[in-house]
N, C-alpha and C. Protein backbone atom coordinates (compact mmCIF):
# COMPACT_ATOMS: atom_id res chain seq x y z
N MET A 1 133.60 110.64 107.19
CA MET A 1 134.53 110.55 106.07
C MET A 1 133.77 110.68 104.75
N ALA A 2 134.26 111.55 103.87
CA ALA A 2 133.62 111.74 102.57
C ALA A 2 133.78 110.48 101.72
N ILE A 3 132.83 110.25 100.83
CA ILE A 3 132.86 109.05 99.98
C ILE A 3 134.13 109.01 99.14
N ARG A 4 134.61 110.18 98.72
CA ARG A 4 135.82 110.19 97.89
C ARG A 4 137.03 109.65 98.63
N ASP A 5 136.94 109.59 99.96
CA ASP A 5 138.06 109.07 100.76
C ASP A 5 137.90 107.58 101.08
N TRP A 6 136.79 107.00 100.65
CA TRP A 6 136.59 105.56 100.86
C TRP A 6 137.48 104.78 99.91
N PRO A 7 137.75 103.50 100.22
CA PRO A 7 138.44 102.65 99.24
C PRO A 7 137.63 102.57 97.95
N ALA A 8 138.30 102.53 96.82
CA ALA A 8 137.61 102.57 95.53
C ALA A 8 136.57 101.46 95.40
N THR A 9 136.85 100.30 95.98
CA THR A 9 135.92 99.17 95.84
C THR A 9 134.63 99.37 96.63
N GLU A 10 134.60 100.38 97.51
CA GLU A 10 133.42 100.62 98.32
C GLU A 10 132.62 101.84 97.85
N ARG A 11 133.17 102.60 96.94
CA ARG A 11 132.44 103.77 96.44
C ARG A 11 131.36 103.31 95.48
N PRO A 12 130.11 103.75 95.66
CA PRO A 12 129.00 103.26 94.82
C PRO A 12 129.24 103.39 93.33
N ARG A 13 129.72 104.53 92.88
CA ARG A 13 129.89 104.72 91.44
C ARG A 13 130.95 103.78 90.87
N GLU A 14 132.08 103.69 91.55
CA GLU A 14 133.15 102.81 91.08
C GLU A 14 132.72 101.34 91.16
N LYS A 15 131.98 101.02 92.20
CA LYS A 15 131.47 99.65 92.36
C LYS A 15 130.53 99.28 91.22
N LEU A 16 129.67 100.22 90.83
CA LEU A 16 128.76 99.98 89.71
C LEU A 16 129.53 99.76 88.42
N LEU A 17 130.51 100.60 88.16
CA LEU A 17 131.28 100.49 86.93
C LEU A 17 132.08 99.19 86.87
N GLU A 18 132.53 98.74 88.03
CA GLU A 18 133.35 97.53 88.09
C GLU A 18 132.51 96.25 88.08
N ARG A 19 131.38 96.27 88.80
CA ARG A 19 130.63 95.03 89.02
C ARG A 19 129.21 95.04 88.46
N GLY A 20 128.75 96.19 87.97
CA GLY A 20 127.40 96.27 87.43
C GLY A 20 126.41 96.77 88.47
N ALA A 21 125.30 97.35 88.01
CA ALA A 21 124.32 97.95 88.90
C ALA A 21 123.68 96.93 89.83
N GLY A 22 123.57 95.67 89.37
CA GLY A 22 122.95 94.64 90.19
C GLY A 22 123.70 94.32 91.47
N ALA A 23 124.97 94.71 91.55
CA ALA A 23 125.77 94.42 92.73
C ALA A 23 125.56 95.45 93.84
N LEU A 24 124.85 96.52 93.54
CA LEU A 24 124.67 97.60 94.51
C LEU A 24 123.40 97.41 95.33
N SER A 25 123.46 97.89 96.57
CA SER A 25 122.27 97.89 97.42
C SER A 25 121.35 99.04 97.00
N ASP A 26 120.13 99.04 97.52
CA ASP A 26 119.21 100.15 97.24
C ASP A 26 119.82 101.48 97.66
N ALA A 27 120.45 101.48 98.83
CA ALA A 27 121.05 102.72 99.33
C ALA A 27 122.17 103.21 98.42
N GLU A 28 122.98 102.30 97.91
CA GLU A 28 124.07 102.69 97.02
C GLU A 28 123.54 103.23 95.70
N LEU A 29 122.51 102.58 95.15
CA LEU A 29 121.91 103.09 93.91
C LEU A 29 121.32 104.47 94.12
N LEU A 30 120.61 104.65 95.24
CA LEU A 30 120.00 105.94 95.53
C LEU A 30 121.07 107.00 95.75
N ALA A 31 122.19 106.63 96.36
CA ALA A 31 123.28 107.58 96.59
C ALA A 31 123.84 108.10 95.28
N ILE A 32 123.94 107.22 94.27
CA ILE A 32 124.41 107.67 92.95
C ILE A 32 123.43 108.67 92.36
N PHE A 33 122.14 108.41 92.54
CA PHE A 33 121.13 109.34 92.05
C PHE A 33 121.23 110.68 92.78
N LEU A 34 121.41 110.65 94.10
CA LEU A 34 121.46 111.88 94.90
C LEU A 34 122.73 112.69 94.61
N ARG A 35 123.82 112.00 94.30
CA ARG A 35 125.11 112.59 93.96
C ARG A 35 125.83 113.17 95.18
N THR A 36 125.16 113.95 95.99
CA THR A 36 125.81 114.57 97.15
C THR A 36 124.96 114.36 98.40
N GLY A 37 125.61 114.43 99.54
CA GLY A 37 124.88 114.36 100.79
C GLY A 37 124.57 115.76 101.31
N ILE A 38 124.36 115.86 102.60
CA ILE A 38 124.15 117.15 103.24
C ILE A 38 125.13 117.26 104.41
N ARG A 39 125.12 118.38 105.07
CA ARG A 39 126.07 118.58 106.17
C ARG A 39 125.94 117.44 107.19
N GLY A 40 127.04 116.76 107.43
CA GLY A 40 127.05 115.69 108.41
C GLY A 40 126.65 114.33 107.88
N GLU A 41 126.23 114.25 106.61
CA GLU A 41 125.82 112.98 106.03
C GLU A 41 126.39 112.83 104.62
N THR A 42 126.99 111.70 104.33
CA THR A 42 127.38 111.41 102.96
C THR A 42 126.13 111.08 102.15
N ALA A 43 126.29 110.95 100.85
CA ALA A 43 125.15 110.58 100.00
C ALA A 43 124.59 109.22 100.39
N VAL A 44 125.49 108.30 100.80
CA VAL A 44 125.03 106.97 101.22
C VAL A 44 124.27 107.06 102.54
N ASP A 45 124.77 107.86 103.47
CA ASP A 45 124.06 108.05 104.75
C ASP A 45 122.67 108.64 104.50
N LEU A 46 122.62 109.64 103.64
CA LEU A 46 121.34 110.27 103.31
C LEU A 46 120.41 109.26 102.66
N ALA A 47 120.95 108.46 101.76
CA ALA A 47 120.12 107.45 101.08
C ALA A 47 119.54 106.46 102.08
N ARG A 48 120.36 106.01 103.02
CA ARG A 48 119.87 105.07 104.02
C ARG A 48 118.78 105.69 104.88
N ARG A 49 118.96 106.95 105.25
CA ARG A 49 117.94 107.63 106.05
C ARG A 49 116.63 107.75 105.28
N LEU A 50 116.72 108.09 104.00
CA LEU A 50 115.51 108.24 103.18
C LEU A 50 114.79 106.90 103.02
N LEU A 51 115.56 105.83 102.83
CA LEU A 51 114.93 104.51 102.67
C LEU A 51 114.25 104.08 103.96
N THR A 52 114.84 104.43 105.10
CA THR A 52 114.19 104.14 106.38
C THR A 52 112.95 104.99 106.56
N ARG A 53 113.06 106.25 106.24
CA ARG A 53 111.94 107.19 106.40
C ARG A 53 110.75 106.79 105.54
N PHE A 54 111.00 106.35 104.31
CA PHE A 54 109.91 106.04 103.38
C PHE A 54 109.68 104.54 103.22
N GLU A 55 110.35 103.74 104.04
CA GLU A 55 110.18 102.29 104.05
C GLU A 55 110.50 101.66 102.68
N GLY A 56 111.61 102.09 102.11
CA GLY A 56 112.07 101.48 100.86
C GLY A 56 111.92 102.38 99.65
N LEU A 57 112.42 101.86 98.53
CA LEU A 57 112.40 102.64 97.29
C LEU A 57 110.98 102.94 96.82
N ARG A 58 110.10 101.96 96.94
CA ARG A 58 108.74 102.20 96.46
C ARG A 58 108.06 103.33 97.22
N GLY A 59 108.21 103.31 98.54
CA GLY A 59 107.62 104.39 99.34
C GLY A 59 108.19 105.74 98.98
N LEU A 60 109.49 105.78 98.70
CA LEU A 60 110.14 107.02 98.29
C LEU A 60 109.59 107.50 96.95
N PHE A 61 109.53 106.60 95.97
CA PHE A 61 109.08 106.98 94.64
C PHE A 61 107.60 107.38 94.61
N GLU A 62 106.80 106.81 95.52
CA GLU A 62 105.38 107.09 95.49
C GLU A 62 104.95 108.18 96.46
N ALA A 63 105.90 108.73 97.20
CA ALA A 63 105.57 109.82 98.12
C ALA A 63 105.09 111.05 97.35
N ASP A 64 104.19 111.80 97.95
CA ASP A 64 103.67 112.98 97.26
C ASP A 64 104.70 114.10 97.25
N ARG A 65 104.46 115.05 96.40
CA ARG A 65 105.41 116.15 96.18
C ARG A 65 105.68 116.93 97.46
N GLU A 66 104.63 117.26 98.20
CA GLU A 66 104.80 118.07 99.40
C GLU A 66 105.68 117.37 100.43
N THR A 67 105.44 116.08 100.63
CA THR A 67 106.22 115.32 101.61
C THR A 67 107.68 115.23 101.20
N LEU A 68 107.93 114.92 99.92
CA LEU A 68 109.31 114.81 99.46
C LEU A 68 110.06 116.12 99.56
N CYS A 69 109.42 117.17 99.12
CA CYS A 69 110.12 118.47 99.09
C CYS A 69 110.40 119.01 100.49
N ALA A 70 109.65 118.53 101.48
CA ALA A 70 109.86 118.97 102.86
C ALA A 70 110.91 118.12 103.58
N THR A 71 111.41 117.10 102.91
CA THR A 71 112.38 116.19 103.52
C THR A 71 113.80 116.73 103.35
N PRO A 72 114.55 116.89 104.44
CA PRO A 72 115.93 117.38 104.33
C PRO A 72 116.75 116.53 103.38
N GLY A 73 117.44 117.18 102.47
CA GLY A 73 118.25 116.48 101.48
C GLY A 73 117.56 116.33 100.15
N LEU A 74 116.26 116.64 100.11
CA LEU A 74 115.53 116.60 98.85
C LEU A 74 115.06 118.01 98.51
N GLY A 75 113.99 118.13 97.77
CA GLY A 75 113.51 119.44 97.34
C GLY A 75 112.87 119.34 95.97
N GLN A 76 112.53 120.49 95.40
CA GLN A 76 111.83 120.51 94.12
C GLN A 76 112.64 119.84 93.00
N ALA A 77 113.93 120.13 92.96
CA ALA A 77 114.76 119.58 91.88
C ALA A 77 114.84 118.06 91.97
N LYS A 78 115.06 117.54 93.19
CA LYS A 78 115.16 116.08 93.36
C LYS A 78 113.81 115.42 93.09
N TYR A 79 112.72 116.08 93.49
CA TYR A 79 111.40 115.52 93.20
C TYR A 79 111.20 115.40 91.69
N ALA A 80 111.57 116.44 90.96
CA ALA A 80 111.43 116.41 89.49
C ALA A 80 112.30 115.31 88.90
N GLN A 81 113.52 115.14 89.42
CA GLN A 81 114.40 114.09 88.91
C GLN A 81 113.82 112.70 89.18
N LEU A 82 113.26 112.50 90.37
CA LEU A 82 112.66 111.21 90.70
C LEU A 82 111.50 110.88 89.76
N GLN A 83 110.65 111.88 89.49
CA GLN A 83 109.53 111.66 88.59
C GLN A 83 110.01 111.34 87.18
N ALA A 84 111.08 112.00 86.77
CA ALA A 84 111.64 111.74 85.43
C ALA A 84 112.20 110.32 85.35
N VAL A 85 112.88 109.87 86.41
CA VAL A 85 113.42 108.51 86.44
C VAL A 85 112.29 107.48 86.35
N LEU A 86 111.22 107.70 87.11
CA LEU A 86 110.08 106.79 87.09
C LEU A 86 109.45 106.72 85.71
N GLU A 87 109.26 107.87 85.10
CA GLU A 87 108.61 107.90 83.78
C GLU A 87 109.50 107.27 82.73
N MET A 88 110.81 107.47 82.82
CA MET A 88 111.71 106.81 81.88
C MET A 88 111.63 105.30 82.02
N GLY A 89 111.51 104.82 83.27
CA GLY A 89 111.38 103.39 83.49
C GLY A 89 110.11 102.85 82.87
N ARG A 90 109.00 103.58 83.05
CA ARG A 90 107.73 103.13 82.46
C ARG A 90 107.81 103.13 80.93
N ARG A 91 108.42 104.15 80.37
CA ARG A 91 108.51 104.23 78.91
C ARG A 91 109.45 103.16 78.36
N TYR A 92 110.48 102.84 79.12
CA TYR A 92 111.36 101.75 78.69
C TYR A 92 110.59 100.44 78.62
N LEU A 93 109.82 100.14 79.67
CA LEU A 93 109.02 98.92 79.66
C LEU A 93 107.96 98.96 78.58
N ASP A 94 107.39 100.13 78.36
CA ASP A 94 106.39 100.28 77.31
C ASP A 94 107.00 99.97 75.95
N ALA A 95 108.27 100.37 75.76
CA ALA A 95 108.94 100.12 74.49
C ALA A 95 109.23 98.65 74.26
N THR A 96 109.25 97.87 75.36
CA THR A 96 109.47 96.43 75.21
C THR A 96 108.20 95.71 74.77
N LEU A 97 107.07 96.43 74.80
CA LEU A 97 105.80 95.81 74.42
C LEU A 97 105.05 96.78 73.52
N ARG A 98 105.68 97.16 72.43
CA ARG A 98 105.09 98.15 71.55
C ARG A 98 104.36 97.48 70.38
N ARG A 99 103.65 98.30 69.64
CA ARG A 99 102.84 97.80 68.53
C ARG A 99 103.68 96.96 67.56
N GLY A 100 103.15 95.81 67.19
CA GLY A 100 103.82 94.94 66.23
C GLY A 100 104.68 93.88 66.86
N ASP A 101 104.98 94.02 68.17
CA ASP A 101 105.79 93.01 68.86
C ASP A 101 104.93 91.81 69.22
N ALA A 102 105.50 90.64 69.10
CA ALA A 102 104.81 89.44 69.56
C ALA A 102 105.12 89.24 71.04
N LEU A 103 104.12 88.77 71.77
CA LEU A 103 104.35 88.47 73.18
C LEU A 103 105.24 87.23 73.27
N GLU A 104 106.45 87.42 73.76
CA GLU A 104 107.42 86.33 73.76
C GLU A 104 107.35 85.47 75.02
N SER A 105 106.89 86.05 76.13
CA SER A 105 106.85 85.27 77.36
C SER A 105 105.84 85.88 78.33
N PRO A 106 105.28 85.06 79.22
CA PRO A 106 104.39 85.60 80.26
C PRO A 106 105.11 86.60 81.15
N GLU A 107 106.40 86.38 81.39
CA GLU A 107 107.15 87.28 82.27
C GLU A 107 107.26 88.68 81.67
N GLN A 108 107.46 88.77 80.36
CA GLN A 108 107.52 90.07 79.69
C GLN A 108 106.20 90.81 79.87
N THR A 109 105.09 90.10 79.68
CA THR A 109 103.77 90.71 79.83
C THR A 109 103.54 91.17 81.26
N ARG A 110 103.95 90.37 82.21
CA ARG A 110 103.74 90.71 83.62
C ARG A 110 104.55 91.92 84.04
N ARG A 111 105.79 92.00 83.57
CA ARG A 111 106.61 93.18 83.90
C ARG A 111 105.96 94.44 83.36
N PHE A 112 105.45 94.36 82.15
CA PHE A 112 104.81 95.51 81.53
C PHE A 112 103.57 95.92 82.32
N LEU A 113 102.71 94.96 82.63
CA LEU A 113 101.46 95.27 83.35
C LEU A 113 101.74 95.78 84.75
N SER A 114 102.75 95.24 85.40
CA SER A 114 103.11 95.72 86.73
C SER A 114 103.54 97.18 86.68
N ALA A 115 104.36 97.54 85.69
CA ALA A 115 104.81 98.92 85.56
C ALA A 115 103.65 99.87 85.27
N GLN A 116 102.65 99.40 84.54
CA GLN A 116 101.54 100.24 84.15
C GLN A 116 100.49 100.40 85.26
N LEU A 117 100.30 99.36 86.08
CA LEU A 117 99.14 99.34 86.97
C LEU A 117 99.47 99.31 88.46
N ARG A 118 100.62 98.83 88.82
CA ARG A 118 100.89 98.55 90.23
C ARG A 118 100.82 99.78 91.13
N HIS A 119 101.29 100.91 90.66
CA HIS A 119 101.45 102.07 91.54
C HIS A 119 100.19 102.90 91.73
N HIS A 120 99.11 102.57 91.05
CA HIS A 120 97.90 103.40 91.13
C HIS A 120 97.13 103.14 92.43
N PRO A 121 96.64 104.21 93.08
CA PRO A 121 95.90 104.04 94.33
C PRO A 121 94.46 103.60 94.12
N HIS A 122 93.97 103.66 92.88
CA HIS A 122 92.61 103.23 92.56
C HIS A 122 92.66 102.08 91.55
N GLU A 123 91.58 101.33 91.52
CA GLU A 123 91.56 100.18 90.63
C GLU A 123 91.39 100.61 89.18
N LEU A 124 92.21 100.06 88.31
CA LEU A 124 92.14 100.30 86.87
C LEU A 124 91.94 98.97 86.17
N PHE A 125 91.14 99.00 85.10
CA PHE A 125 90.92 97.81 84.28
C PHE A 125 91.43 98.11 82.88
N ALA A 126 92.31 97.25 82.37
CA ALA A 126 92.97 97.52 81.09
C ALA A 126 93.00 96.28 80.21
N CYS A 127 93.32 96.50 78.94
CA CYS A 127 93.43 95.41 77.98
C CYS A 127 94.66 95.59 77.11
N ILE A 128 95.31 94.48 76.79
CA ILE A 128 96.30 94.45 75.73
C ILE A 128 95.63 93.79 74.54
N PHE A 129 95.45 94.54 73.46
CA PHE A 129 94.79 94.02 72.26
C PHE A 129 95.83 93.41 71.32
N LEU A 130 95.53 92.23 70.79
CA LEU A 130 96.49 91.47 69.99
C LEU A 130 95.89 91.07 68.65
N ASP A 131 96.76 90.87 67.65
CA ASP A 131 96.28 90.36 66.37
C ASP A 131 96.29 88.83 66.40
N ASN A 132 96.05 88.20 65.26
CA ASN A 132 95.93 86.74 65.25
C ASN A 132 97.26 86.02 65.42
N ARG A 133 98.37 86.76 65.41
CA ARG A 133 99.68 86.18 65.70
C ARG A 133 100.17 86.59 67.09
N HIS A 134 99.27 87.13 67.87
CA HIS A 134 99.57 87.58 69.23
C HIS A 134 100.59 88.72 69.24
N ARG A 135 100.56 89.53 68.20
CA ARG A 135 101.37 90.74 68.18
C ARG A 135 100.56 91.87 68.78
N VAL A 136 101.23 92.76 69.48
CA VAL A 136 100.54 93.83 70.19
C VAL A 136 99.98 94.86 69.21
N ILE A 137 98.70 95.17 69.39
CA ILE A 137 98.06 96.25 68.64
C ILE A 137 98.03 97.52 69.50
N ALA A 138 97.60 97.35 70.76
CA ALA A 138 97.49 98.52 71.64
C ALA A 138 97.29 98.07 73.08
N PHE A 139 97.65 98.95 74.00
CA PHE A 139 97.33 98.78 75.41
C PHE A 139 96.43 99.95 75.80
N GLU A 140 95.32 99.66 76.44
CA GLU A 140 94.40 100.73 76.84
C GLU A 140 93.87 100.48 78.25
N THR A 141 93.79 101.55 79.03
CA THR A 141 93.05 101.52 80.28
C THR A 141 91.62 101.91 79.97
N LEU A 142 90.68 101.01 80.26
CA LEU A 142 89.30 101.21 79.84
C LEU A 142 88.39 101.70 80.95
N PHE A 143 88.67 101.30 82.19
CA PHE A 143 87.79 101.69 83.29
C PHE A 143 88.61 102.07 84.51
N ARG A 144 88.14 103.09 85.22
CA ARG A 144 88.76 103.52 86.47
C ARG A 144 87.73 103.43 87.58
N GLY A 145 88.17 103.00 88.76
CA GLY A 145 87.23 102.81 89.84
C GLY A 145 87.64 103.50 91.11
N THR A 146 87.00 103.09 92.21
CA THR A 146 87.32 103.61 93.53
C THR A 146 88.50 102.81 94.05
N ILE A 147 88.79 102.98 95.33
CA ILE A 147 89.94 102.29 95.90
C ILE A 147 89.73 100.79 95.96
N ASP A 148 88.47 100.34 95.87
CA ASP A 148 88.23 98.90 96.01
C ASP A 148 87.45 98.29 94.86
N GLY A 149 87.42 98.96 93.70
CA GLY A 149 86.72 98.33 92.61
C GLY A 149 86.53 99.23 91.41
N ALA A 150 86.35 98.60 90.26
CA ALA A 150 86.05 99.32 89.02
C ALA A 150 84.89 98.61 88.33
N THR A 151 83.95 99.37 87.83
CA THR A 151 82.83 98.79 87.11
C THR A 151 83.25 98.54 85.67
N VAL A 152 83.11 97.30 85.23
CA VAL A 152 83.53 96.89 83.90
C VAL A 152 82.30 96.58 83.05
N HIS A 153 82.23 97.19 81.88
CA HIS A 153 81.10 96.99 80.98
C HIS A 153 81.55 96.17 79.77
N PRO A 154 81.10 94.92 79.65
CA PRO A 154 81.51 94.07 78.53
C PRO A 154 81.27 94.72 77.17
N ARG A 155 80.19 95.46 77.04
CA ARG A 155 79.89 96.09 75.76
C ARG A 155 81.01 97.01 75.32
N GLU A 156 81.58 97.78 76.26
CA GLU A 156 82.65 98.70 75.91
C GLU A 156 83.93 97.96 75.53
N VAL A 157 84.19 96.85 76.21
CA VAL A 157 85.37 96.05 75.87
C VAL A 157 85.24 95.49 74.46
N VAL A 158 84.05 95.00 74.13
CA VAL A 158 83.80 94.47 72.79
C VAL A 158 83.98 95.58 71.75
N LYS A 159 83.47 96.77 72.02
CA LYS A 159 83.59 97.89 71.09
C LYS A 159 85.05 98.22 70.82
N ARG A 160 85.88 98.25 71.88
CA ARG A 160 87.29 98.59 71.69
C ARG A 160 88.03 97.47 70.95
N ALA A 161 87.66 96.23 71.21
CA ALA A 161 88.28 95.11 70.50
C ALA A 161 87.98 95.18 69.01
N LEU A 162 86.73 95.50 68.69
CA LEU A 162 86.35 95.63 67.28
C LEU A 162 87.04 96.84 66.64
N ALA A 163 87.15 97.92 67.39
CA ALA A 163 87.79 99.13 66.85
C ALA A 163 89.25 98.86 66.49
N HIS A 164 89.90 97.99 67.27
CA HIS A 164 91.30 97.65 67.00
C HIS A 164 91.44 96.46 66.05
N ASN A 165 90.30 95.88 65.66
CA ASN A 165 90.31 94.67 64.82
C ASN A 165 91.15 93.58 65.48
N ALA A 166 90.98 93.44 66.80
CA ALA A 166 91.77 92.48 67.57
C ALA A 166 91.23 91.07 67.38
N ALA A 167 92.15 90.12 67.41
CA ALA A 167 91.77 88.71 67.35
C ALA A 167 91.82 88.07 68.74
N ALA A 168 92.56 88.72 69.64
CA ALA A 168 92.70 88.20 71.00
C ALA A 168 93.05 89.37 71.92
N LEU A 169 92.95 89.12 73.21
CA LEU A 169 93.34 90.16 74.16
C LEU A 169 93.69 89.54 75.50
N ILE A 170 94.38 90.34 76.29
CA ILE A 170 94.69 89.98 77.67
C ILE A 170 94.06 91.04 78.56
N LEU A 171 93.26 90.61 79.51
CA LEU A 171 92.63 91.51 80.46
C LEU A 171 93.57 91.69 81.66
N ALA A 172 93.48 92.85 82.30
CA ALA A 172 94.31 93.08 83.48
C ALA A 172 93.67 94.14 84.35
N HIS A 173 93.83 93.99 85.65
CA HIS A 173 93.46 95.06 86.56
C HIS A 173 94.31 94.96 87.82
N ASN A 174 94.38 96.04 88.56
CA ASN A 174 95.18 96.07 89.78
C ASN A 174 94.28 96.00 91.01
N HIS A 175 94.86 95.51 92.10
CA HIS A 175 94.21 95.53 93.41
C HIS A 175 95.00 96.50 94.28
N PRO A 176 94.49 97.71 94.52
CA PRO A 176 95.22 98.68 95.34
C PRO A 176 95.55 98.17 96.74
N SER A 177 94.82 97.17 97.21
CA SER A 177 95.12 96.58 98.52
C SER A 177 96.47 95.90 98.54
N GLY A 178 96.99 95.57 97.34
CA GLY A 178 98.26 94.88 97.24
C GLY A 178 98.14 93.38 97.14
N VAL A 179 96.95 92.85 97.43
CA VAL A 179 96.72 91.40 97.39
C VAL A 179 96.23 91.02 96.01
N ALA A 180 96.96 90.15 95.33
CA ALA A 180 96.63 89.81 93.94
C ALA A 180 95.61 88.69 93.81
N GLU A 181 95.16 88.13 94.91
CA GLU A 181 94.23 87.00 94.86
C GLU A 181 92.95 87.41 94.13
N PRO A 182 92.57 86.70 93.04
CA PRO A 182 91.35 87.04 92.31
C PRO A 182 90.11 86.84 93.18
N SER A 183 89.19 87.78 93.09
CA SER A 183 87.95 87.67 93.84
C SER A 183 86.92 86.90 93.02
N SER A 184 85.81 86.55 93.64
CA SER A 184 84.73 85.88 92.91
C SER A 184 84.18 86.81 91.84
N ALA A 185 84.18 88.13 92.13
CA ALA A 185 83.72 89.10 91.13
C ALA A 185 84.66 89.14 89.93
N ASP A 186 85.96 89.00 90.17
CA ASP A 186 86.93 88.95 89.08
C ASP A 186 86.66 87.76 88.17
N THR A 187 86.37 86.63 88.78
CA THR A 187 86.08 85.42 88.00
C THR A 187 84.81 85.57 87.19
N ARG A 188 83.78 86.16 87.80
CA ARG A 188 82.50 86.33 87.10
C ARG A 188 82.63 87.26 85.91
N ILE A 189 83.31 88.41 86.09
CA ILE A 189 83.40 89.36 84.98
C ILE A 189 84.29 88.79 83.88
N THR A 190 85.28 87.98 84.24
CA THR A 190 86.13 87.36 83.22
C THR A 190 85.30 86.43 82.34
N ARG A 191 84.45 85.65 82.96
CA ARG A 191 83.61 84.73 82.19
C ARG A 191 82.61 85.48 81.31
N ARG A 192 82.06 86.57 81.86
CA ARG A 192 81.13 87.39 81.05
C ARG A 192 81.84 87.99 79.85
N LEU A 193 83.03 88.50 80.08
CA LEU A 193 83.80 89.09 78.98
C LEU A 193 84.18 88.03 77.95
N LYS A 194 84.59 86.87 78.42
CA LYS A 194 84.97 85.80 77.50
C LYS A 194 83.78 85.42 76.62
N GLU A 195 82.60 85.30 77.22
CA GLU A 195 81.39 84.95 76.46
C GLU A 195 81.02 86.04 75.47
N SER A 196 81.09 87.30 75.91
CA SER A 196 80.72 88.42 75.04
C SER A 196 81.69 88.55 73.87
N LEU A 197 82.97 88.40 74.15
CA LEU A 197 83.98 88.54 73.10
C LEU A 197 83.96 87.36 72.14
N ALA A 198 83.57 86.20 72.61
CA ALA A 198 83.49 85.03 71.74
C ALA A 198 82.46 85.23 70.63
N LEU A 199 81.44 86.04 70.90
CA LEU A 199 80.40 86.31 69.90
C LEU A 199 80.95 87.06 68.69
N VAL A 200 82.09 87.77 68.90
CA VAL A 200 82.71 88.49 67.78
C VAL A 200 84.08 87.89 67.44
N ASP A 201 84.28 86.63 67.84
CA ASP A 201 85.50 85.88 67.52
C ASP A 201 86.78 86.52 68.05
N VAL A 202 86.70 87.04 69.25
CA VAL A 202 87.89 87.57 69.93
C VAL A 202 88.15 86.69 71.15
N ARG A 203 89.37 86.14 71.24
CA ARG A 203 89.71 85.22 72.32
C ARG A 203 90.31 85.97 73.51
N VAL A 204 89.93 85.55 74.70
CA VAL A 204 90.54 86.06 75.92
C VAL A 204 91.64 85.09 76.32
N LEU A 205 92.88 85.53 76.25
CA LEU A 205 94.01 84.65 76.55
C LEU A 205 94.28 84.55 78.04
N ASP A 206 94.03 85.63 78.76
CA ASP A 206 94.30 85.61 80.20
C ASP A 206 93.66 86.84 80.84
N HIS A 207 93.54 86.78 82.13
CA HIS A 207 93.16 87.93 82.95
C HIS A 207 94.15 87.96 84.09
N ILE A 208 94.96 89.00 84.16
CA ILE A 208 96.03 89.09 85.14
C ILE A 208 95.67 90.13 86.19
N VAL A 209 95.78 89.73 87.45
CA VAL A 209 95.52 90.62 88.58
C VAL A 209 96.86 91.08 89.14
N VAL A 210 97.05 92.39 89.20
CA VAL A 210 98.32 92.98 89.64
C VAL A 210 98.20 93.43 91.09
N GLY A 211 99.06 92.87 91.94
CA GLY A 211 99.09 93.28 93.34
C GLY A 211 100.39 93.99 93.66
N ASP A 212 100.75 93.97 94.91
CA ASP A 212 101.96 94.63 95.36
C ASP A 212 103.11 93.63 95.35
N GLY A 213 103.83 93.58 94.24
CA GLY A 213 104.95 92.66 94.13
C GLY A 213 104.53 91.24 93.79
N GLU A 214 103.24 91.03 93.54
CA GLU A 214 102.76 89.71 93.16
C GLU A 214 101.68 89.86 92.10
N MET A 215 101.50 88.81 91.31
CA MET A 215 100.50 88.84 90.24
C MET A 215 99.83 87.47 90.18
N ALA A 216 98.58 87.47 89.73
CA ALA A 216 97.83 86.22 89.61
C ALA A 216 97.26 86.11 88.21
N SER A 217 97.40 84.95 87.61
CA SER A 217 96.87 84.68 86.27
C SER A 217 95.66 83.76 86.40
N LEU A 218 94.50 84.23 85.91
CA LEU A 218 93.32 83.38 85.95
C LEU A 218 93.44 82.20 85.01
N ALA A 219 94.19 82.38 83.91
CA ALA A 219 94.39 81.27 82.99
C ALA A 219 95.18 80.15 83.65
N GLU A 220 96.23 80.52 84.38
CA GLU A 220 97.04 79.51 85.06
C GLU A 220 96.27 78.78 86.13
N ARG A 221 95.26 79.44 86.67
CA ARG A 221 94.44 78.83 87.73
C ARG A 221 93.23 78.08 87.18
N GLY A 222 93.12 78.05 85.85
CA GLY A 222 92.02 77.34 85.23
C GLY A 222 90.68 78.03 85.42
N LEU A 223 90.68 79.36 85.54
CA LEU A 223 89.46 80.11 85.81
C LEU A 223 88.90 80.82 84.58
N LEU A 224 89.50 80.59 83.41
CA LEU A 224 89.00 81.23 82.18
C LEU A 224 87.91 80.36 81.56
C-alpha cells in the first residue's frame, strides 16, 4: 500500500507537521528525506532497509560514496543530498558557537565539539580560544594524527593562543575507537599544556575527549 493511502496520522510528513519532528522514528525521518520509495517498497520500507543495512543513521551518513551510490534506492543525487544535510547540521551547530558568543553551558560546548570531531576516522586535536569573558574567539584544529593518536606540541598551542590574544581555552580531541575514557597520555599532555600556557597567562578551562556518543571532561574528573 502506498503511503498516500495510509491513515493521515501514520504518514511521516503529516505526523511531523502535527506532532513535531521529535515524534518520528529514524525510519520515518529518513523516509521524508528520501521522498519516494522504489518498486515494491514505500519510502518507509526503503528507509527501514537502509537503516538495517548501515546499522543506523550514523552508519548511513558515514558510508563512503561508492557504497552509497551502489545501494538500491540511492545514487549520486541522494549521496549529494545526504552530504548537504550533514554539512548544514555542522554549520548550524557552528553558528551556535560563533565568535563573540559566551559559552553558556557545558552541554552547548559538548554538542559543538561532538559535531566537529566525532565523525573523523583519525585523531584530531583542537582548541576553542576564549577571551577573558569566556566569549569565543576561534575554533581551530591544530594537530592531526593516525587512527590511534595525534602528536601535540605545546609550543604550537601557545603560539596560537598568543596569536588570538586568548585569555583561556578549551582543549579537545576525539578517540576514533569510540571510547571517550581519557588515557594516561591525555592526562600528561593536558598538564604539560596547562603549565606551558600558564607562563603566558592563558588558562586551560577543560580538556574534553570525544567518543562515540559519549564524552569525558578532564576538569570534571579533577585531572586538570
